[in-house]
């Protein structure tokens, strides 16, 4: 059974940083396409960042240069380092690994 547990969200002022974690059990993170999505109120869920088994990464234009996706194979955990946060980054963030979803975690950026 696959379980993805997210942590690291919260409230931060604009310009601040947060690091989200997605700890996986029942699935090896490095063997799958792993992604972070987000969904703001009234909006569709959107792809934020993706890392593939080779380690290559890709980002939404809105977060390029500010967010970094990574993984720790020893901990079987994926991360999203978010710097220079903006109010428009406010959303529920979800990790997705091999089509399995985490429960979502709130990130709120105040202006």
Protein backbone atom coordinates (compact mmCIF):
# COMPACT_ATOMS: atom_id res chain seq x y z
CA UNK A 1 0.00 0.00 0.00
CA UNK A 2 1.37 3.38 -1.04
CA UNK A 3 1.35 6.19 1.50
CA UNK A 4 2.60 9.73 0.89
CA UNK A 5 2.88 12.05 3.88
CA UNK A 6 3.47 15.74 3.31
CA UNK A 7 4.89 18.19 5.81
CA UNK A 8 6.46 21.62 6.00
CA UNK A 9 3.61 23.89 5.01
CA UNK A 10 2.39 26.90 6.93
CA UNK A 11 2.13 30.67 6.96
CA UNK A 12 5.00 32.83 5.75
CA UNK A 13 5.44 36.45 4.75
CA UNK A 14 6.11 37.40 1.16
CA UNK A 15 9.77 36.95 0.36
CA UNK A 16 10.13 34.12 2.83
CA UNK A 17 10.92 30.45 2.32
CA UNK A 18 9.41 27.08 3.09
CA UNK A 19 10.46 23.51 2.36
CA UNK A 20 7.82 20.91 1.72
CA UNK A 21 8.55 17.23 2.23
CA UNK A 22 6.77 14.19 0.86
CA UNK A 23 7.77 10.99 2.61
CA UNK A 24 6.86 7.86 0.71
CA UNK A 25 6.22 4.32 1.86
CA UNK A 26 5.29 1.42 -0.37
CA UNK A 27 6.86 3.11 -3.38
CA UNK A 28 10.45 4.01 -4.26
CA UNK A 29 10.51 7.70 -5.11
CA UNK A 30 13.53 7.45 -7.41
CA UNK A 31 11.81 4.86 -9.62
CA UNK A 32 8.87 7.07 -10.60
CA UNK A 33 7.97 10.41 -12.05
CA UNK A 34 7.44 12.53 -8.94
CA UNK A 35 5.68 15.86 -8.93
CA UNK A 36 4.34 18.69 -6.86
CA UNK A 37 0.98 20.21 -7.75
CA UNK A 38 -0.95 23.03 -6.15
CA UNK A 39 -4.53 24.18 -6.07
CA UNK A 40 -5.59 27.66 -5.09
CA UNK A 41 -9.19 28.43 -4.07
CA UNK A 42 -11.45 28.52 -7.09
CA UNK A 43 -8.71 27.36 -9.44
CA UNK A 44 -7.75 24.11 -11.07
CA UNK A 45 -4.92 21.99 -9.75
CA UNK A 46 -1.71 22.89 -11.56
CA UNK A 47 1.67 21.26 -11.98
CA UNK A 48 4.43 23.08 -10.12
CA UNK A 49 7.51 20.91 -10.54
CA UNK A 50 8.49 17.42 -11.63
CA UNK A 51 11.54 15.19 -11.18
CA UNK A 52 11.99 12.04 -13.20
CA UNK A 53 14.03 8.92 -12.34
CA UNK A 54 17.10 10.25 -14.18
CA UNK A 55 17.05 13.29 -11.90
CA UNK A 56 16.04 15.75 -14.59
CA UNK A 57 13.63 18.40 -13.39
CA UNK A 58 11.11 20.78 -14.88
CA UNK A 59 9.14 23.69 -13.48
CA UNK A 60 6.11 25.81 -14.17
CA UNK A 61 7.12 29.20 -15.52
CA UNK A 62 5.59 30.90 -12.50
CA UNK A 63 8.04 29.25 -10.09
CA UNK A 64 11.23 28.95 -12.17
CA UNK A 65 14.20 30.37 -10.35
CA UNK A 66 12.37 30.34 -7.00
CA UNK A 67 11.40 26.70 -6.37
CA UNK A 68 13.62 23.62 -6.41
CA UNK A 69 12.41 20.04 -6.49
CA UNK A 70 14.71 17.34 -5.17
CA UNK A 71 14.72 13.92 -3.58
CA UNK A 72 16.69 12.02 -0.98
CA UNK A 73 16.86 8.41 -2.09
CA UNK A 74 18.11 7.19 1.29
CA UNK A 75 15.09 8.74 3.01
CA UNK A 76 12.72 7.94 0.13
CA UNK A 77 11.51 11.50 0.37
CA UNK A 78 10.83 14.25 -2.14
CA UNK A 79 11.20 17.94 -1.37
CA UNK A 80 10.09 21.28 -2.71
CA UNK A 81 12.25 24.19 -1.60
CA UNK A 82 10.29 27.39 -2.09
CA UNK A 83 12.14 30.70 -1.91
CA UNK A 84 11.04 34.29 -2.48
CA UNK A 85 7.44 33.27 -1.91
CA UNK A 86 4.67 35.48 -3.24
CA UNK A 87 1.02 35.81 -2.18
CA UNK A 88 0.01 34.13 -5.44
CA UNK A 89 1.84 31.00 -4.29
CA UNK A 90 -0.86 30.52 -1.66
CA UNK A 91 -2.48 27.14 -2.28
CA UNK A 92 -2.83 23.58 -1.09
CA UNK A 93 0.23 21.70 -2.31
CA UNK A 94 0.06 18.02 -3.23
CA UNK A 95 2.79 15.55 -3.97
CA UNK A 96 2.26 12.90 -6.61
CA UNK A 97 4.48 9.88 -7.05
CA UNK A 98 3.62 7.31 -9.66
CA UNK A 99 0.00 8.56 -9.78
CA UNK A 100 -0.48 8.29 -6.02
CA UNK A 101 -1.40 11.49 -4.19
CA UNK A 102 -0.51 12.92 -0.83
CA UNK A 103 -3.19 14.43 1.39
CA UNK A 104 -2.26 18.00 0.58
CA UNK A 105 -0.73 20.70 2.74
CA UNK A 106 -1.61 24.36 3.05
CA UNK A 107 0.87 27.07 2.14
CA UNK A 108 -0.21 30.64 2.85
CA UNK A 109 1.89 33.64 1.88
CA UNK A 110 0.90 36.96 3.39
CA UNK A 111 1.65 40.27 1.72
